[in-house]
Each structure stands twice: as structure tokens, then as C-alpha cells.
Amino acid sequence: MKYYLYNSLANNGIRPDVPEGTELVDAVGMDYGAYLRTLAPEDEVVLIGGDGTLNYFINAVGGTEIRNNIYLLGSGTGNDFFNDIGAQPGEEVLLNPYLEKLPTVYVNGLEKLFINNMGFGIDGYCCEVADRIKAKSPQEKIDYTGIAIKGLLFHFKPCHAEVTVDGVKHEFDHVWIAPTMKGKYYGGGMKMAPNQDRFSDKLTVVVYRSRSKLKALIAFPSIFKGEHVSKTDMVSVFTGNEIHVRFSRPCAAQIDGETVLNVTEYTAVLPK
């Protein structure tokens, strides 16, 4: 049997259409690990959703052995996982090859897996502002680019950062963003780490820095095409198995789009 798992609290509660001969299951409150253990080995599971659904699944499953084929039926236009693997919304993609050797991030007492990125800086600020907007107006469409531009110009203050990659420390002033990437994309389509391969045995940390707000703003659109990495006076790129980032003051961070507040440092580790 093929089971389609969906969130009945999303999309105004509209039940998605699924192929005849399959079963639609409401996954709200589901213990994914326990659910998978009830299935026969030949059963298949399709997750309906995007990056948030995928992040929730990998952390809910934890150390559960996955015996079944797991697919993602991607939705939305800002799916960074789908962008990274070259898939399109509406496709069903077999997830099993992508669920092995996922990185873990340690931040503010949390220990979480991520499949796309651990972000720190103005990207976390954008998620923090977006959360406030959603809380007040759940149906309002979020303009992340607009939030980022206002943050660059007025609200977010860059930090001094210590970035340690496999034990080697680097220090930077006027840092706006310092994410660690498992895939190429984050933030709904920004190609932050254009040379990162999610099957690589390394993570990529990208440090985006500038004393000038105007310079940082002018260069910002180049991130969407991955062209920012050529601006070596503003961008430093490192790869490694263990990455530690410390900011000089607390900022919001995000893990695959989930906001974590009041963060001064994080450590991301990829299993060898």
C-alpha cells in the first residue's frame, strides 16, 4: 500500500487529491517513528509538503531504521530541497538516498538534524520577522526579500564573527550572514553555496561581510544566482566536517527555516 501523509492544518484544511488505490493519512500529531514501525516492508510513504515537512520528518524519525521507500511530493515554489536536486513542485522524489549521513546542529541546548542549512545572521532575522507577521496575519504572504532589504538598511546590525572549521579559526568583522550549508539553496531560492554537493563528505560555511550597508545591499541580489562567491572581498567560503560559528552578540538563527532566537553560537557536524 502507498500512504500519502498530509498536514490537515495547512492549506486551509483542504484534502489533497491522491491516486486511486492509495490511502490519505492526516499526519498532525503523528509519531513518525512509531508509524513507520507499523508498516510492512513493501509499503511506501509519501510526505506532502516542503522543506519544513522534510525537516520535521527527519527529526521525528530520529534513529528509527527506515525500511520503506519514503517519497516527498513537493509543494510551493520556494522549496530549497527541490531546487537543489533539480525537481519540480508536484513531483514525487524518492528520499531514501538523501536521508543518510545528515548533519547535526547544536544550538541553545538543541540538537537537531538539518537537510538544507543552518542559517545565522540576517537570514535568521528574516525568519524572526516573518514569524511575527504570520502570528498577526496568518494569511498574509511573506515578502522575505523585502524583509531582508529593510534589515540590511535599517534594522539588522552586522557582527564580529569567529568561524572555526575543523579546528582552524577565522575571524571577521561586519558579518551579515554565516550559514552552514548541506545543500546549495536556502531562503526560498538563494544559491548560497553554489559548489556544495549534498552527497559530499563536507559542509560549506559562507561568510558574507561588509562594512558598508549600501555595498552589502547592492551585492545581495547576486546570492540568488550564486554569483556572490566571486566577490572575495566580501565573501569567504570554507568546507569541513565540523563548523563552529560564534557572533559577538545574540541574533536569531534558523534551521531549515525554523527560527531559533537569541543565538550567539552554533556547531554543525557532518558524520564522517
Protein backbone atom coordinates (compact mmCIF):
# COMPACT_ATOMS: atom_id res chain seq x y z
CA MET A 1 0.00 0.00 0.00
CA LYS A 2 1.11 3.56 -0.67
CA TYR A 3 0.24 6.08 2.04
CA TYR A 4 0.13 9.85 1.48
CA LEU A 5 0.77 11.82 4.67
CA TYR A 6 -0.52 15.39 4.83
CA ASN A 7 -1.00 18.21 7.33
CA SER A 8 -4.71 18.90 7.78
CA LEU A 9 -3.89 22.23 9.49
CA ALA A 10 -2.14 23.55 6.37
CA ASN A 11 -3.62 24.85 3.12
CA ASN A 12 -6.87 25.82 4.85
CA GLY A 13 -7.53 22.17 5.66
CA ILE A 14 -8.06 21.20 2.01
CA ARG A 15 -7.54 17.48 1.49
CA PRO A 16 -5.12 16.82 -1.37
CA ASP A 17 -6.07 14.53 -4.21
CA VAL A 18 -4.19 11.23 -4.23
CA PRO A 19 -4.09 8.41 -6.80
CA GLU A 20 -6.76 5.74 -6.71
CA GLY A 21 -5.75 2.70 -4.71
CA THR A 22 -3.68 4.69 -2.22
CA GLU A 23 -4.55 5.99 1.25
CA LEU A 24 -4.54 9.58 2.52
CA VAL A 25 -3.44 9.91 6.18
CA ASP A 26 -3.62 13.01 8.38
CA ALA A 27 -0.14 13.32 9.92
CA VAL A 28 -0.96 16.02 12.50
CA GLY A 29 0.45 14.87 15.84
CA MET A 30 1.84 11.69 14.28
CA ASP A 31 4.79 9.86 15.83
CA TYR A 32 6.55 9.13 12.55
CA GLY A 33 8.92 6.58 14.04
CA ALA A 34 6.10 4.58 15.60
CA TYR A 35 4.04 4.87 12.41
CA LEU A 36 6.83 3.51 10.22
CA ARG A 37 7.23 0.53 12.52
CA THR A 38 3.59 -0.45 11.87
CA LEU A 39 4.13 -0.71 8.10
CA ALA A 40 5.01 -3.77 6.07
CA PRO A 41 8.41 -3.54 4.32
CA GLU A 42 6.73 -3.27 0.90
CA ASP A 43 4.54 -0.31 1.94
CA GLU A 44 5.52 3.14 0.67
CA VAL A 45 5.08 6.56 2.27
CA VAL A 46 4.71 9.92 0.53
CA LEU A 47 5.19 13.12 2.53
CA ILE A 48 3.20 16.03 1.12
CA GLY A 49 4.87 19.36 1.80
CA GLY A 50 8.11 21.28 1.56
CA ASP A 51 11.30 21.98 3.47
CA GLY A 52 9.54 22.32 6.83
CA THR A 53 7.77 18.98 6.41
CA LEU A 54 11.04 17.33 5.50
CA ASN A 55 12.91 18.80 8.47
CA TYR A 56 10.14 17.74 10.86
CA PHE A 57 10.21 14.21 9.46
CA ILE A 58 13.98 13.67 9.72
CA ASN A 59 13.99 14.84 13.34
CA ALA A 60 10.84 12.95 14.32
CA VAL A 61 12.16 9.70 12.85
CA GLY A 62 15.44 10.10 14.73
CA GLY A 63 17.34 6.84 14.88
CA THR A 64 14.47 4.72 13.56
CA GLU A 65 15.60 2.33 10.85
CA ILE A 66 13.80 3.22 7.64
CA ARG A 67 12.76 0.01 5.88
CA ASN A 68 10.25 1.57 3.50
CA ASN A 69 10.54 3.76 0.45
CA ILE A 70 9.87 7.36 1.53
CA TYR A 71 8.94 9.99 -1.05
CA LEU A 72 8.40 13.73 -0.95
CA LEU A 73 5.58 15.21 -3.00
CA GLY A 74 6.91 18.76 -3.11
CA SER A 75 4.65 21.76 -2.95
CA GLY A 76 5.22 25.51 -3.28
CA THR A 77 7.72 27.48 -5.33
CA GLY A 78 10.28 28.12 -2.58
CA ASN A 79 11.26 24.52 -1.91
CA ASP A 80 15.04 24.66 -1.41
CA PHE A 81 15.46 20.89 -1.30
CA PHE A 82 13.70 20.53 -4.65
CA ASN A 83 15.73 23.41 -6.10
CA ASP A 84 18.90 21.66 -5.01
CA ILE A 85 18.11 18.29 -6.58
CA GLY A 86 16.56 19.78 -9.73
CA ALA A 87 13.00 18.60 -9.04
CA GLN A 88 9.76 20.49 -9.67
CA PRO A 89 6.72 21.06 -7.43
CA GLY A 90 4.24 18.24 -7.94
CA GLU A 91 6.93 15.59 -8.47
CA GLU A 92 7.35 12.62 -6.18
CA VAL A 93 11.02 12.20 -5.27
CA LEU A 94 12.47 9.15 -3.52
CA LEU A 95 14.03 10.50 -0.32
CA ASN A 96 15.94 7.49 1.00
CA PRO A 97 19.30 8.35 -0.65
CA TYR A 98 19.11 11.86 0.84
CA LEU A 99 18.35 10.74 4.39
CA GLU A 100 21.75 9.18 5.06
CA LYS A 101 24.57 10.93 6.96
CA LEU A 102 22.62 14.10 7.72
CA PRO A 103 24.39 16.86 9.68
CA THR A 104 23.50 17.72 13.26
CA VAL A 105 23.46 21.25 14.65
CA TYR A 106 23.94 22.05 18.33
CA VAL A 107 22.47 25.42 19.30
CA ASN A 108 20.98 26.84 22.53
CA GLY A 109 20.73 23.39 24.07
CA LEU A 110 19.00 21.95 21.00
CA GLU A 111 20.33 19.05 18.95
CA LYS A 112 18.69 18.85 15.53
CA LEU A 113 19.31 17.33 12.14
CA PHE A 114 19.05 19.54 9.07
CA ILE A 115 18.75 18.72 5.41
CA ASN A 116 19.37 22.11 3.77
CA ASN A 117 21.05 24.60 6.07
CA MET A 118 21.73 26.12 9.45
CA GLY A 119 21.45 29.89 9.00
CA PHE A 120 22.78 32.65 11.24
CA GLY A 121 22.52 36.41 10.79
CA ILE A 122 20.12 38.39 8.69
CA ASP A 123 18.53 35.17 7.40
CA GLY A 124 17.53 34.30 10.97
CA TYR A 125 16.33 37.88 11.41
CA CYS A 126 14.08 37.47 8.34
CA CYS A 127 12.54 34.30 9.81
CA GLU A 128 12.02 36.07 13.13
CA VAL A 129 10.17 38.96 11.45
CA ALA A 130 8.18 36.56 9.27
CA ASP A 131 7.05 34.63 12.36
CA ARG A 132 5.72 37.86 13.89
CA ILE A 133 3.84 38.70 10.69
CA LYS A 134 2.31 35.20 10.49
CA ALA A 135 1.21 35.41 14.13
CA LYS A 136 -0.71 38.63 13.41
CA SER A 137 -1.94 37.80 9.87
CA PRO A 138 -1.76 34.06 9.12
CA GLN A 139 -2.96 34.50 5.51
CA GLU A 140 -0.55 37.30 4.62
CA LYS A 141 2.07 36.43 2.01
CA ILE A 142 5.57 36.92 3.37
CA ASP A 143 7.98 39.06 1.35
CA TYR A 144 11.31 37.71 2.59
CA THR A 145 13.30 39.79 0.11
CA GLY A 146 11.63 42.95 1.34
CA ILE A 147 12.31 41.99 4.95
CA ALA A 148 15.97 41.35 4.12
CA ILE A 149 16.37 44.71 2.36
CA LYS A 150 14.83 46.61 5.27
CA GLY A 151 17.03 44.64 7.63
CA LEU A 152 20.16 45.48 5.66
CA LEU A 153 19.29 49.17 5.57
CA PHE A 154 17.78 49.82 8.97
CA HIS A 155 17.24 47.05 11.49
CA PHE A 156 19.93 44.35 11.48
CA LYS A 157 23.40 45.24 12.74
CA PRO A 158 26.36 43.17 11.49
CA CYS A 159 28.56 41.32 13.99
CA HIS A 160 32.10 40.26 14.63
CA ALA A 161 32.26 36.52 13.96
CA GLU A 162 34.59 33.68 14.82
CA VAL A 163 34.29 30.84 12.32
CA THR A 164 36.13 27.62 13.19
CA VAL A 165 36.34 24.92 10.53
CA ASP A 166 37.81 21.56 11.55
CA GLY A 167 39.73 23.28 14.34
CA VAL A 168 41.06 26.21 12.28
CA LYS A 169 39.75 29.59 13.46
CA HIS A 170 39.00 32.57 11.19
CA GLU A 171 37.78 35.97 12.41
CA PHE A 172 35.72 38.55 10.51
CA ASP A 173 34.20 41.95 11.21
CA HIS A 174 30.90 43.33 9.88
CA VAL A 175 29.36 39.90 9.21
CA TRP A 176 25.77 39.84 7.92
CA ILE A 177 25.33 36.12 7.22
CA ALA A 178 27.23 32.98 8.23
CA PRO A 179 25.18 29.89 7.31
CA THR A 180 26.36 26.30 7.14
CA MET A 181 25.02 24.51 4.08
CA LYS A 182 24.24 20.86 3.35
CA GLY A 183 22.68 21.84 0.00
CA LYS A 184 23.20 24.74 -2.37
CA TYR A 185 19.98 26.65 -1.68
CA TYR A 186 18.26 28.33 1.21
CA GLY A 187 15.83 31.15 1.92
CA GLY A 188 13.38 30.11 -0.78
CA GLY A 189 15.74 30.13 -3.76
CA MET A 190 19.00 31.81 -2.80
CA LYS A 191 22.00 29.88 -4.14
CA MET A 192 24.15 30.48 -1.10
CA ALA A 193 26.65 27.65 -1.64
CA PRO A 194 26.78 27.06 -5.40
CA ASN A 195 29.59 24.48 -5.19
CA GLN A 196 28.15 22.42 -2.32
CA ASP A 197 27.25 18.81 -3.12
CA ARG A 198 24.77 17.33 -0.64
CA PHE A 199 26.40 13.91 -1.14
CA SER A 200 29.81 15.34 -0.26
CA ASP A 201 31.57 14.43 2.98
CA LYS A 202 31.88 18.17 3.74
CA LEU A 203 29.62 21.03 4.75
CA THR A 204 30.08 24.57 3.41
CA VAL A 205 30.05 27.70 5.55
CA VAL A 206 29.66 31.04 3.75
CA VAL A 207 30.63 34.30 5.45
CA TYR A 208 29.05 37.41 3.88
CA ARG A 209 30.53 40.61 5.26
CA SER A 210 30.74 44.31 4.50
CA ARG A 211 31.37 47.48 6.50
CA SER A 212 29.11 49.36 4.05
CA LYS A 213 25.35 48.77 4.22
CA LEU A 214 24.99 50.05 0.67
CA LYS A 215 27.64 47.67 -0.66
CA ALA A 216 26.03 44.75 1.17
CA LEU A 217 22.64 45.70 -0.29
CA ILE A 218 23.91 46.13 -3.85
CA ALA A 219 25.62 42.73 -3.80
CA PHE A 220 22.72 40.94 -2.11
CA PRO A 221 20.78 40.03 -5.32
CA SER A 222 23.85 38.16 -6.63
CA ILE A 223 23.18 35.48 -3.99
CA PHE A 224 20.12 34.28 -5.92
CA LYS A 225 22.38 33.14 -8.78
CA GLY A 226 25.34 32.09 -6.64
CA GLU A 227 27.47 34.87 -8.11
CA HIS A 228 28.30 36.40 -4.72
CA VAL A 229 31.11 33.89 -4.14
CA SER A 230 33.20 35.68 -6.78
CA LYS A 231 33.22 38.80 -4.57
CA THR A 232 36.14 37.62 -2.46
CA ASP A 233 36.48 40.96 -0.69
CA MET A 234 33.02 40.34 0.81
CA VAL A 235 32.55 36.57 0.80
CA SER A 236 34.65 33.79 2.31
CA VAL A 237 33.79 30.13 1.75
CA PHE A 238 35.11 27.19 3.78
CA THR A 239 34.34 23.46 3.77
CA GLY A 240 34.72 20.97 6.58
CA ASN A 241 33.15 18.27 8.75
CA GLU A 242 32.72 20.38 11.88
CA ILE A 243 31.87 24.08 11.75
CA HIS A 244 31.51 26.38 14.73
CA VAL A 245 30.26 29.96 14.38
CA ARG A 246 30.21 32.50 17.20
CA PHE A 247 28.77 36.02 16.88
CA SER A 248 29.68 38.95 19.12
CA ARG A 249 26.04 39.42 20.12
CA PRO A 250 22.86 37.33 20.16
CA CYS A 251 20.96 37.08 16.85
CA ALA A 252 18.13 34.97 15.52
CA ALA A 253 19.09 31.81 13.63
CA GLN A 254 17.12 29.33 11.55
CA ILE A 255 17.32 25.60 10.92
CA ASP A 256 15.76 24.72 7.56
CA GLY A 257 13.54 27.78 8.07
CA GLU A 258 12.63 27.15 11.73
CA THR A 259 13.55 30.14 13.89
CA VAL A 260 15.78 29.90 16.96
CA LEU A 261 16.04 33.12 18.99
CA ASN A 262 18.90 34.66 20.98
CA VAL A 263 21.73 32.64 19.46
CA THR A 264 25.36 33.57 19.95
CA GLU A 265 26.94 30.39 18.59
CA TYR A 266 26.24 27.08 16.92
CA THR A 267 28.16 23.95 15.92
CA ALA A 268 27.27 21.89 12.85
CA VAL A 269 28.74 18.42 12.46
CA LEU A 270 28.56 16.07 9.48
CA PRO A 271 29.12 12.36 10.26
CA LYS A 272 32.28 11.00 8.67
